[in-house]
Amino acid sequence: MVKLLMSTINRSASQFIASVVSNKRVGQYHQLILQVGDIVTFCKPGNFIAIKVGGESSRMILRRAFAISRTSQSSSFGGTIELIVAPFGSGSSWLCSQPEGSELDVVTPLGTAFGIPTEPVKALLVGGGYGSAPLFGLAEVLKLRGCKVDMLLGASTGGKIYAPMEGKRSANSLRIYTEDGSMGEKGRVTDPIWALVQDNAVDVIYSCGPMPMLAAISKLVEGTDIVHQCAVEESMACGVGVCMTCVLPVANDQGQVSMLRSCIDGPVMDGSLVQWDLVGQVHEVHQ
């Protein structure tokens, strides 16, 4: 059985002003580098940041949550974190429009991080769309632990695969799947997983992407000894566990199901405990 060093609620989170060091367009996405100072030492793969968007006169009163893809420290900027943002909504579009030197009101690090194996294991990282970005920093941490790191990236089309060359550098092996066949192999990113399981090529799976993808992976490894840690994608209004908008039905070790907050008890969760068939049907879950 794989043993993981599990994180608890990150009590080192704080609210402060972060500067935009860099804002670059990467395909359909934006790569933002934020200067966060010494707080960077508490930011782990799987944690996220909540950002006040829209400016002082904005009607967007709620913060927006973004996954931290990786961290770094340099003599020029000190501690920095990297975000990969898709400019789809009004909040994310505003963030992507911020030039270098802009100041952002942020709260970080929030949420639970990915559990890291206590000894070298065979790790499979599965990412969907730009949700794969947090896996690159995780891959670096796992390789430092001596783990073999294989990565699967998938999306509906090639333009939605974030930085494929980055994935190739981060992992020992990389396979790309697109539903339209425009990049890599044609199919879903979950297609090769069962064969890898049967070949004993996987000890632990880390996944980040759309909820149906996470549910499919959990189904594939059900009944095996493979640990599946997934970063769930639930909309977070407050990010600090107050509003209860990001709850998911999750079972405990005794099988009792309760509604847990993705921002506090997640976003990284044990995929085998999430009640995927009850997601969106909270009225059927008993507290």
C-alpha atoms as a PDB file:
ATOM      1  CA  MET A   1       0.000   0.000   0.000  1.00  0.00           C
ATOM      2  CA  VAL A   2       1.346   3.414  -0.984  1.00  0.00           C
ATOM      3  CA  LYS A   3       1.799   5.791   1.944  1.00  0.00           C
ATOM      4  CA  LEU A   4       1.390   9.501   1.292  1.00  0.00           C
ATOM      5  CA  LEU A   5       2.345  12.496   3.376  1.00  0.00           C
ATOM      6  CA  MET A   6      -1.071  14.160   3.444  1.00  0.00           C
ATOM      7  CA  SER A   7      -1.512  17.878   3.948  1.00  0.00           C
ATOM      8  CA  THR A   8      -4.027  19.408   6.329  1.00  0.00           C
ATOM      9  CA  ILE A   9      -5.883  22.689   6.064  1.00  0.00           C
ATOM     10  CA  ASN A  10      -3.310  25.329   5.258  1.00  0.00           C
ATOM     11  CA  ARG A  11      -3.266  27.623   8.262  1.00  0.00           C
ATOM     12  CA  SER A  12      -0.489  29.763   6.804  1.00  0.00           C
ATOM     13  CA  ALA A  13      -2.847  31.586   4.428  1.00  0.00           C
ATOM     14  CA  SER A  14      -2.846  35.359   4.558  1.00  0.00           C
ATOM     15  CA  GLN A  15      -4.286  38.316   2.662  1.00  0.00           C
ATOM     16  CA  PHE A  16      -1.804  40.676   1.040  1.00  0.00           C
ATOM     17  CA  ILE A  17      -0.976  42.624  -2.106  1.00  0.00           C
ATOM     18  CA  ALA A  18       0.889  40.667  -4.781  1.00  0.00           C
ATOM     19  CA  SER A  19       2.599  42.233  -7.793  1.00  0.00           C
ATOM     20  CA  VAL A  20       2.314  40.878 -11.332  1.00  0.00           C
ATOM     21  CA  VAL A  21       5.888  40.062 -12.394  1.00  0.00           C
ATOM     22  CA  SER A  22       4.974  38.610 -15.777  1.00  0.00           C
ATOM     23  CA  ASN A  23       1.873  38.057 -17.917  1.00  0.00           C
ATOM     24  CA  LYS A  24       2.454  36.012 -21.069  1.00  0.00           C
ATOM     25  CA  ARG A  25       0.029  34.526 -23.569  1.00  0.00           C
ATOM     26  CA  VAL A  26       0.613  30.771 -24.002  1.00  0.00           C
ATOM     27  CA  GLY A  27      -1.729  29.426 -26.676  1.00  0.00           C
ATOM     28  CA  GLN A  28      -5.286  29.933 -25.464  1.00  0.00           C
ATOM     29  CA  TYR A  29      -4.144  30.671 -21.918  1.00  0.00           C
ATOM     30  CA  HIS A  30      -2.194  33.228 -19.893  1.00  0.00           C
ATOM     31  CA  GLN A  31       0.790  32.432 -17.702  1.00  0.00           C
ATOM     32  CA  LEU A  32       0.940  34.881 -14.791  1.00  0.00           C
ATOM     33  CA  ILE A  33       3.840  35.136 -12.368  1.00  0.00           C
ATOM     34  CA  LEU A  34       2.974  36.808  -9.055  1.00  0.00           C
ATOM     35  CA  GLN A  35       5.429  38.089  -6.462  1.00  0.00           C
ATOM     36  CA  VAL A  36       4.318  36.723  -3.079  1.00  0.00           C
ATOM     37  CA  GLY A  37       7.429  36.952  -0.888  1.00  0.00           C
ATOM     38  CA  ASP A  38       8.103  34.507   1.939  1.00  0.00           C
ATOM     39  CA  ILE A  39       4.586  33.028   1.743  1.00  0.00           C
ATOM     40  CA  VAL A  40       5.885  30.980  -1.191  1.00  0.00           C
ATOM     41  CA  THR A  41       7.439  28.505   1.259  1.00  0.00           C
ATOM     42  CA  PHE A  42       3.940  27.416   2.312  1.00  0.00           C
ATOM     43  CA  CYS A  43       2.564  26.997  -1.242  1.00  0.00           C
ATOM     44  CA  LYS A  44       2.414  23.354  -2.350  1.00  0.00           C
ATOM     45  CA  PRO A  45       1.126  21.605  -5.491  1.00  0.00           C
ATOM     46  CA  GLY A  46      -2.648  21.466  -5.183  1.00  0.00           C
ATOM     47  CA  ASN A  47      -3.024  24.690  -3.168  1.00  0.00           C
ATOM     48  CA  PHE A  48      -4.852  27.625  -4.712  1.00  0.00           C
ATOM     49  CA  ILE A  49      -5.055  31.401  -4.533  1.00  0.00           C
ATOM     50  CA  ALA A  50      -8.167  33.583  -4.248  1.00  0.00           C
ATOM     51  CA  ILE A  51      -7.881  36.909  -6.089  1.00  0.00           C
ATOM     52  CA  LYS A  52     -10.036  40.032  -5.904  1.00  0.00           C
ATOM     53  CA  VAL A  53     -10.881  40.859  -9.525  1.00  0.00           C
ATOM     54  CA  GLY A  54     -12.370  43.756 -11.469  1.00  0.00           C
ATOM     55  CA  GLY A  55     -10.765  46.722  -9.742  1.00  0.00           C
ATOM     56  CA  GLU A  56     -12.149  49.003  -7.036  1.00  0.00           C
ATOM     57  CA  SER A  57     -15.321  49.975  -8.922  1.00  0.00           C
ATOM     58  CA  SER A  58     -16.182  46.468 -10.058  1.00  0.00           C
ATOM     59  CA  ARG A  59     -19.495  44.766  -9.287  1.00  0.00           C
ATOM     60  CA  MET A  60     -17.633  41.436  -9.092  1.00  0.00           C
ATOM     61  CA  ILE A  61     -17.605  41.255  -5.316  1.00  0.00           C
ATOM     62  CA  LEU A  62     -16.498  37.631  -5.040  1.00  0.00           C
ATOM     63  CA  ARG A  63     -12.900  36.530  -5.343  1.00  0.00           C
ATOM     64  CA  ARG A  64     -11.878  34.078  -8.050  1.00  0.00           C
ATOM     65  CA  ALA A  65      -9.950  30.912  -7.189  1.00  0.00           C
ATOM     66  CA  PHE A  66      -6.995  29.776  -9.309  1.00  0.00           C
ATOM     67  CA  ALA A  67      -4.754  26.731  -8.874  1.00  0.00           C
ATOM     68  CA  ILE A  68      -1.076  27.359  -8.149  1.00  0.00           C
ATOM     69  CA  SER A  69       0.833  25.585 -10.896  1.00  0.00           C
ATOM     70  CA  ARG A  70       4.344  25.968  -9.474  1.00  0.00           C
ATOM     71  CA  THR A  71       6.505  28.080  -7.173  1.00  0.00           C
ATOM     72  CA  SER A  72      10.010  29.488  -7.373  1.00  0.00           C
ATOM     73  CA  GLN A  73      12.441  31.774  -5.603  1.00  0.00           C
ATOM     74  CA  SER A  74      14.951  34.088  -7.252  1.00  0.00           C
ATOM     75  CA  SER A  75      17.331  36.871  -6.285  1.00  0.00           C
ATOM     76  CA  SER A  76      15.435  39.271  -8.570  1.00  0.00           C
ATOM     77  CA  PHE A  77      11.855  38.802  -7.395  1.00  0.00           C
ATOM     78  CA  GLY A  78      12.055  36.663  -4.261  1.00  0.00           C
ATOM     79  CA  GLY A  79       9.191  34.193  -3.879  1.00  0.00           C
ATOM     80  CA  THR A  80       6.872  33.862  -6.872  1.00  0.00           C
ATOM     81  CA  ILE A  81       3.981  31.645  -7.881  1.00  0.00           C
ATOM     82  CA  GLU A  82       2.806  30.746 -11.374  1.00  0.00           C
ATOM     83  CA  LEU A  83      -0.852  30.678 -12.440  1.00  0.00           C
ATOM     84  CA  ILE A  84      -2.325  29.410 -15.705  1.00  0.00           C
ATOM     85  CA  VAL A  85      -5.537  31.258 -16.464  1.00  0.00           C
ATOM     86  CA  ALA A  86      -8.106  30.753 -19.217  1.00  0.00           C
ATOM     87  CA  PRO A  87      -9.779  34.100 -20.057  1.00  0.00           C
ATOM     88  CA  PHE A  88     -13.292  32.678 -20.287  1.00  0.00           C
ATOM     89  CA  GLY A  89     -15.338  34.623 -17.728  1.00  0.00           C
ATOM     90  CA  SER A  90     -15.364  38.284 -16.750  1.00  0.00           C
ATOM     91  CA  GLY A  91     -13.144  37.747 -13.700  1.00  0.00           C
ATOM     92  CA  SER A  92     -10.501  35.639 -15.426  1.00  0.00           C
ATOM     93  CA  SER A  93     -10.535  37.956 -18.465  1.00  0.00           C
ATOM     94  CA  TRP A  94      -9.869  40.931 -16.207  1.00  0.00           C
ATOM     95  CA  LEU A  95      -6.996  39.100 -14.546  1.00  0.00           C
ATOM     96  CA  CYS A  96      -5.474  38.178 -17.900  1.00  0.00           C
ATOM     97  CA  SER A  97      -5.552  41.853 -18.903  1.00  0.00           C
ATOM     98  CA  GLN A  98      -3.392  42.988 -15.982  1.00  0.00           C
ATOM     99  CA  PRO A  99       0.030  44.279 -17.113  1.00  0.00           C
ATOM    100  CA  GLU A 100       3.347  43.723 -15.395  1.00  0.00           C
ATOM    101  CA  GLY A 101       3.599  45.828 -12.262  1.00  0.00           C
ATOM    102  CA  SER A 102      -0.089  45.594 -11.438  1.00  0.00           C
ATOM    103  CA  GLU A 103      -1.033  44.948  -7.828  1.00  0.00           C
ATOM    104  CA  LEU A 104      -3.560  42.284  -6.836  1.00  0.00           C
ATOM    105  CA  ASP A 105      -5.404  41.724  -3.559  1.00  0.00           C
ATOM    106  CA  VAL A 106      -4.913  38.001  -2.871  1.00  0.00           C
ATOM    107  CA  VAL A 107      -5.398  35.332  -0.213  1.00  0.00           C
ATOM    108  CA  THR A 108      -3.099  32.320  -0.356  1.00  0.00           C
ATOM    109  CA  PRO A 109      -2.159  29.508   0.070  1.00  0.00           C
ATOM    110  CA  LEU A 110      -5.596  27.941   0.407  1.00  0.00           C
ATOM    111  CA  GLY A 111      -6.885  24.375   0.346  1.00  0.00           C
ATOM    112  CA  THR A 112      -5.206  21.016   0.763  1.00  0.00           C
ATOM    113  CA  ALA A 113      -2.237  19.950  -1.341  1.00  0.00           C
ATOM    114  CA  PHE A 114      -1.408  16.676  -3.078  1.00  0.00           C
ATOM    115  CA  GLY A 115      -0.054  13.983  -0.788  1.00  0.00           C
ATOM    116  CA  ILE A 116       3.567  13.100  -1.518  1.00  0.00           C
ATOM    117  CA  PRO A 117       4.753   9.463  -1.322  1.00  0.00           C
ATOM    118  CA  THR A 118       7.053   8.605   1.563  1.00  0.00           C
ATOM    119  CA  GLU A 119       9.145   6.443  -0.790  1.00  0.00           C
ATOM    120  CA  PRO A 120       9.693   6.214  -4.579  1.00  0.00           C
ATOM    121  CA  VAL A 121       6.605   4.965  -6.438  1.00  0.00           C
ATOM    122  CA  LYS A 122       5.265   4.754  -9.980  1.00  0.00           C
ATOM    123  CA  ALA A 123       3.167   7.886 -10.358  1.00  0.00           C
ATOM    124  CA  LEU A 124       0.740   8.628 -13.172  1.00  0.00           C
ATOM    125  CA  LEU A 125      -0.308  12.258 -13.622  1.00  0.00           C
ATOM    126  CA  VAL A 126      -3.490  12.852 -15.633  1.00  0.00           C
ATOM    127  CA  GLY A 127      -4.509  16.344 -16.720  1.00  0.00           C
ATOM    128  CA  GLY A 128      -7.427  17.693 -18.707  1.00  0.00           C
ATOM    129  CA  GLY A 129      -7.118  21.016 -20.552  1.00  0.00           C
ATOM    130  CA  TYR A 130      -5.472  23.828 -18.617  1.00  0.00           C
ATOM    131  CA  GLY A 131      -6.318  21.881 -15.461  1.00  0.00           C
ATOM    132  CA  SER A 132      -3.070  20.038 -16.120  1.00  0.00           C
ATOM    133  CA  ALA A 133      -0.954  23.049 -15.122  1.00  0.00           C
ATOM    134  CA  PRO A 134      -0.670  22.188 -11.378  1.00  0.00           C
ATOM    135  CA  LEU A 135       0.681  18.763 -12.339  1.00  0.00           C
ATOM    136  CA  PHE A 136       3.921  20.185 -13.750  1.00  0.00           C
ATOM    137  CA  GLY A 137       5.099  21.479 -10.385  1.00  0.00           C
ATOM    138  CA  LEU A 138       3.923  18.262  -8.757  1.00  0.00           C
ATOM    139  CA  ALA A 139       5.955  16.223 -11.252  1.00  0.00           C
ATOM    140  CA  GLU A 140       9.103  18.075 -10.196  1.00  0.00           C
ATOM    141  CA  VAL A 141       8.443  17.331  -6.517  1.00  0.00           C
ATOM    142  CA  LEU A 142       7.787  13.644  -7.233  1.00  0.00           C
ATOM    143  CA  LYS A 143      10.955  13.263  -9.305  1.00  0.00           C
ATOM    144  CA  LEU A 144      12.978  14.748  -6.464  1.00  0.00           C
ATOM    145  CA  ARG A 145      11.543  11.918  -4.323  1.00  0.00           C
ATOM    146  CA  GLY A 146      12.864   9.385  -6.834  1.00  0.00           C
ATOM    147  CA  CYS A 147       9.461   8.567  -8.310  1.00  0.00           C
ATOM    148  CA  LYS A 148       8.926   7.452 -11.888  1.00  0.00           C
ATOM    149  CA  VAL A 149       6.546  10.032 -13.321  1.00  0.00           C
ATOM    150  CA  ASP A 150       4.391   9.340 -16.373  1.00  0.00           C
ATOM    151  CA  MET A 151       1.979  11.976 -17.633  1.00  0.00           C
ATOM    152  CA  LEU A 152      -1.198  11.877 -19.713  1.00  0.00           C
ATOM    153  CA  LEU A 153      -2.612  15.151 -21.047  1.00  0.00           C
ATOM    154  CA  GLY A 154      -5.952  15.391 -22.792  1.00  0.00           C
ATOM    155  CA  ALA A 155      -8.442  17.867 -24.221  1.00  0.00           C
ATOM    156  CA  SER A 156     -11.140  18.120 -26.854  1.00  0.00           C
ATOM    157  CA  THR A 157      -8.710  19.683 -29.321  1.00  0.00           C
ATOM    158  CA  GLY A 158      -4.977  20.374 -29.576  1.00  0.00           C
ATOM    159  CA  GLY A 159      -5.318  24.096 -28.888  1.00  0.00           C
ATOM    160  CA  LYS A 160      -6.602  23.327 -25.393  1.00  0.00           C
ATOM    161  CA  ILE A 161      -3.540  21.291 -24.385  1.00  0.00           C
ATOM    162  CA  TYR A 162      -1.491  23.560 -22.154  1.00  0.00           C
ATOM    163  CA  ALA A 163       2.246  23.699 -22.908  1.00  0.00           C
ATOM    164  CA  PRO A 164       2.856  20.140 -24.181  1.00  0.00           C
ATOM    165  CA  MET A 165       6.622  20.725 -24.284  1.00  0.00           C
ATOM    166  CA  GLU A 166       6.490  21.697 -20.619  1.00  0.00           C
ATOM    167  CA  GLY A 167       4.859  18.365 -19.859  1.00  0.00           C
ATOM    168  CA  LYS A 168       7.543  16.543 -21.803  1.00  0.00           C
ATOM    169  CA  ARG A 169      10.254  18.215 -19.720  1.00  0.00           C
ATOM    170  CA  SER A 170       8.467  17.631 -16.416  1.00  0.00           C
ATOM    171  CA  ALA A 171       7.764  13.889 -16.707  1.00  0.00           C
ATOM    172  CA  ASN A 172       9.675  10.735 -17.602  1.00  0.00           C
ATOM    173  CA  SER A 173       7.129  10.060 -20.336  1.00  0.00           C
ATOM    174  CA  LEU A 174       4.248  12.011 -21.880  1.00  0.00           C
ATOM    175  CA  ARG A 175       1.281  10.923 -23.968  1.00  0.00           C
ATOM    176  CA  ILE A 176      -1.269  13.360 -25.374  1.00  0.00           C
ATOM    177  CA  TYR A 177      -4.861  12.568 -26.312  1.00  0.00           C
ATOM    178  CA  THR A 178      -7.343  14.796 -28.130  1.00  0.00           C
ATOM    179  CA  GLU A 179     -10.910  13.893 -28.954  1.00  0.00           C
ATOM    180  CA  ASP A 180     -10.619  15.287 -32.493  1.00  0.00           C
ATOM    181  CA  GLY A 181      -7.144  13.828 -33.124  1.00  0.00           C
ATOM    182  CA  SER A 182      -5.584  17.242 -33.796  1.00  0.00           C
ATOM    183  CA  MET A 183      -2.674  16.544 -31.404  1.00  0.00           C
ATOM    184  CA  GLY A 184      -1.219  13.300 -30.117  1.00  0.00           C
ATOM    185  CA  GLU A 185      -3.471  10.249 -30.237  1.00  0.00           C
ATOM    186  CA  LYS A 186      -7.184  10.440 -30.966  1.00  0.00           C
ATOM    187  CA  GLY A 187      -9.332   9.534 -27.966  1.00  0.00           C
ATOM    188  CA  ARG A 188      -9.917  10.401 -24.330  1.00  0.00           C
ATOM    189  CA  VAL A 189      -7.113  10.888 -21.858  1.00  0.00           C
ATOM    190  CA  THR A 190      -8.558   8.079 -19.739  1.00  0.00           C
ATOM    191  CA  ASP A 191      -8.329   5.506 -22.580  1.00  0.00           C
ATOM    192  CA  PRO A 192      -4.852   4.079 -21.726  1.00  0.00           C
ATOM    193  CA  ILE A 193      -5.265   3.983 -17.951  1.00  0.00           C
ATOM    194  CA  TRP A 194      -6.748   0.507 -17.580  1.00  0.00           C
ATOM    195  CA  ALA A 195      -3.935  -1.088 -19.610  1.00  0.00           C
ATOM    196  CA  LEU A 196      -1.380   0.658 -17.379  1.00  0.00           C
ATOM    197  CA  VAL A 197      -3.189  -0.659 -14.310  1.00  0.00           C
ATOM    198  CA  GLN A 198      -3.152  -4.221 -15.659  1.00  0.00           C
ATOM    199  CA  ASP A 199       0.572  -3.925 -16.423  1.00  0.00           C
ATOM    200  CA  ASN A 200       1.267  -2.879 -12.800  1.00  0.00           C
ATOM    201  CA  ALA A 201       2.736   0.349 -14.167  1.00  0.00           C
ATOM    202  CA  VAL A 202       0.939   2.576 -11.651  1.00  0.00           C
ATOM    203  CA  ASP A 203       0.984   2.875  -7.856  1.00  0.00           C
ATOM    204  CA  VAL A 204      -0.679   6.269  -7.467  1.00  0.00           C
ATOM    205  CA  ILE A 205      -2.650   8.523  -9.812  1.00  0.00           C
ATOM    206  CA  TYR A 206      -2.767  12.282  -9.466  1.00  0.00           C
ATOM    207  CA  SER A 207      -5.412  13.993 -11.562  1.00  0.00           C
ATOM    208  CA  CYS A 208      -6.618  17.492 -12.265  1.00  0.00           C
ATOM    209  CA  GLY A 209      -9.276  18.452 -14.779  1.00  0.00           C
ATOM    210  CA  PRO A 210     -13.009  18.276 -15.512  1.00  0.00           C
ATOM    211  CA  MET A 211     -15.169  16.423 -13.005  1.00  0.00           C
ATOM    212  CA  PRO A 212     -16.326  13.725 -15.487  1.00  0.00           C
ATOM    213  CA  MET A 213     -12.666  12.879 -16.127  1.00  0.00           C
ATOM    214  CA  LEU A 214     -11.972  12.549 -12.398  1.00  0.00           C
ATOM    215  CA  ALA A 215     -15.041  10.347 -11.961  1.00  0.00           C
ATOM    216  CA  ALA A 216     -13.972   8.111 -14.858  1.00  0.00           C
ATOM    217  CA  ILE A 217     -10.508   7.589 -13.351  1.00  0.00           C
ATOM    218  CA  SER A 218     -12.005   6.697  -9.975  1.00  0.00           C
ATOM    219  CA  LYS A 219     -14.216   4.126 -11.678  1.00  0.00           C
ATOM    220  CA  LEU A 220     -11.283   2.603 -13.547  1.00  0.00           C
ATOM    221  CA  VAL A 221      -9.212   2.007 -10.409  1.00  0.00           C
ATOM    222  CA  GLU A 222     -12.098   0.926  -8.203  1.00  0.00           C
ATOM    223  CA  GLY A 223     -11.251  -2.305  -6.407  1.00  0.00           C
ATOM    224  CA  THR A 224      -7.499  -1.950  -6.931  1.00  0.00           C
ATOM    225  CA  ASP A 225      -4.745  -0.879  -4.529  1.00  0.00           C
ATOM    226  CA  ILE A 226      -4.032   2.228  -6.610  1.00  0.00           C
ATOM    227  CA  VAL A 227      -4.384   5.516  -4.746  1.00  0.00           C
ATOM    228  CA  HIS A 228      -6.211   8.204  -6.730  1.00  0.00           C
ATOM    229  CA  GLN A 229      -5.750  11.774  -5.592  1.00  0.00           C
ATOM    230  CA  CYS A 230      -7.783  14.281  -7.578  1.00  0.00           C
ATOM    231  CA  ALA A 231      -8.062  18.063  -7.499  1.00  0.00           C
ATOM    232  CA  VAL A 232     -11.801  18.630  -7.853  1.00  0.00           C
ATOM    233  CA  GLU A 233     -13.170  21.449  -9.998  1.00  0.00           C
ATOM    234  CA  GLU A 234     -16.024  22.970  -8.027  1.00  0.00           C
ATOM    235  CA  SER A 235     -16.867  26.674  -8.219  1.00  0.00           C
ATOM    236  CA  MET A 236     -15.655  28.467  -5.094  1.00  0.00           C
ATOM    237  CA  ALA A 237     -17.289  31.742  -4.117  1.00  0.00           C
ATOM    238  CA  CYS A 238     -15.369  32.569  -0.929  1.00  0.00           C
ATOM    239  CA  GLY A 239     -12.485  30.084  -0.917  1.00  0.00           C
ATOM    240  CA  VAL A 240     -12.292  29.989   2.867  1.00  0.00           C
ATOM    241  CA  GLY A 241     -15.157  27.672   3.848  1.00  0.00           C
ATOM    242  CA  VAL A 242     -17.844  30.213   4.734  1.00  0.00           C
ATOM    243  CA  CYS A 243     -20.331  30.245   1.851  1.00  0.00           C
ATOM    244  CA  MET A 244     -20.858  26.460   1.379  1.00  0.00           C
ATOM    245  CA  THR A 245     -21.226  26.762  -2.406  1.00  0.00           C
ATOM    246  CA  CYS A 246     -18.452  24.267  -3.251  1.00  0.00           C
ATOM    247  CA  VAL A 247     -19.682  21.243  -1.269  1.00  0.00           C
ATOM    248  CA  LEU A 248     -19.320  17.680  -2.541  1.00  0.00           C
ATOM    249  CA  PRO A 249     -20.732  14.375  -1.248  1.00  0.00           C
ATOM    250  CA  VAL A 250     -17.786  12.461   0.244  1.00  0.00           C
ATOM    251  CA  ALA A 251     -17.745   9.276   2.307  1.00  0.00           C
ATOM    252  CA  ASN A 252     -15.576   8.650   5.342  1.00  0.00           C
ATOM    253  CA  ASP A 253     -13.793   5.402   6.183  1.00  0.00           C
ATOM    254  CA  GLN A 254     -17.021   4.035   7.683  1.00  0.00           C
ATOM    255  CA  GLY A 255     -18.997   4.757   4.515  1.00  0.00           C
ATOM    256  CA  GLN A 256     -20.990   7.642   5.963  1.00  0.00           C
ATOM    257  CA  VAL A 257     -21.576  10.370   3.377  1.00  0.00           C
ATOM    258  CA  SER A 258     -21.478  14.065   4.227  1.00  0.00           C
ATOM    259  CA  MET A 259     -21.133  17.294   2.297  1.00  0.00           C
ATOM    260  CA  LEU A 260     -17.532  18.514   2.440  1.00  0.00           C
ATOM    261  CA  ARG A 261     -16.258  21.877   1.269  1.00  0.00           C
ATOM    262  CA  SER A 262     -13.902  21.683  -1.701  1.00  0.00           C
ATOM    263  CA  CYS A 263     -12.028  24.779  -0.558  1.00  0.00           C
ATOM    264  CA  ILE A 264     -11.310  23.422   2.941  1.00  0.00           C
ATOM    265  CA  ASP A 265     -11.396  19.627   2.674  1.00  0.00           C
ATOM    266  CA  GLY A 266     -10.050  19.893  -0.890  1.00  0.00           C
ATOM    267  CA  PRO A 267      -9.480  20.715  -3.607  1.00  0.00           C
ATOM    268  CA  VAL A 268      -7.310  17.578  -3.429  1.00  0.00           C
ATOM    269  CA  MET A 269      -9.425  14.621  -2.347  1.00  0.00           C
ATOM    270  CA  ASP A 270      -9.294  10.822  -2.305  1.00  0.00           C
ATOM    271  CA  GLY A 271     -11.123   9.923  -5.499  1.00  0.00           C
ATOM    272  CA  SER A 272     -12.377   6.647  -4.031  1.00  0.00           C
ATOM    273  CA  LEU A 273     -14.338   8.522  -1.349  1.00  0.00           C
ATOM    274  CA  VAL A 274     -16.045  11.112  -3.545  1.00  0.00           C
ATOM    275  CA  GLN A 275     -19.595   9.962  -4.325  1.00  0.00           C
ATOM    276  CA  TRP A 276     -19.497  10.826  -8.007  1.00  0.00           C
ATOM    277  CA  ASP A 277     -23.003   9.530  -8.720  1.00  0.00           C
ATOM    278  CA  LEU A 278     -24.423  11.926  -6.117  1.00  0.00           C
ATOM    279  CA  VAL A 279     -22.635  15.059  -7.323  1.00  0.00           C
ATOM    280  CA  GLY A 280     -25.313  17.598  -8.170  1.00  0.00           C
ATOM    281  CA  GLN A 281     -27.931  15.629  -6.214  1.00  0.00           C
ATOM    282  CA  VAL A 282     -27.259  16.961  -2.720  1.00  0.00           C
ATOM    283  CA  HIS A 283     -30.868  16.473  -1.672  1.00  0.00           C
ATOM    284  CA  GLU A 284     -30.279  12.724  -1.614  1.00  0.00           C
ATOM    285  CA  VAL A 285     -27.304  12.947   0.730  1.00  0.00           C
ATOM    286  CA  HIS A 286     -27.932  12.568   4.464  1.00  0.00           C
ATOM    287  CA  GLN A 287     -25.953  14.818   6.755  1.00  0.00           C
END
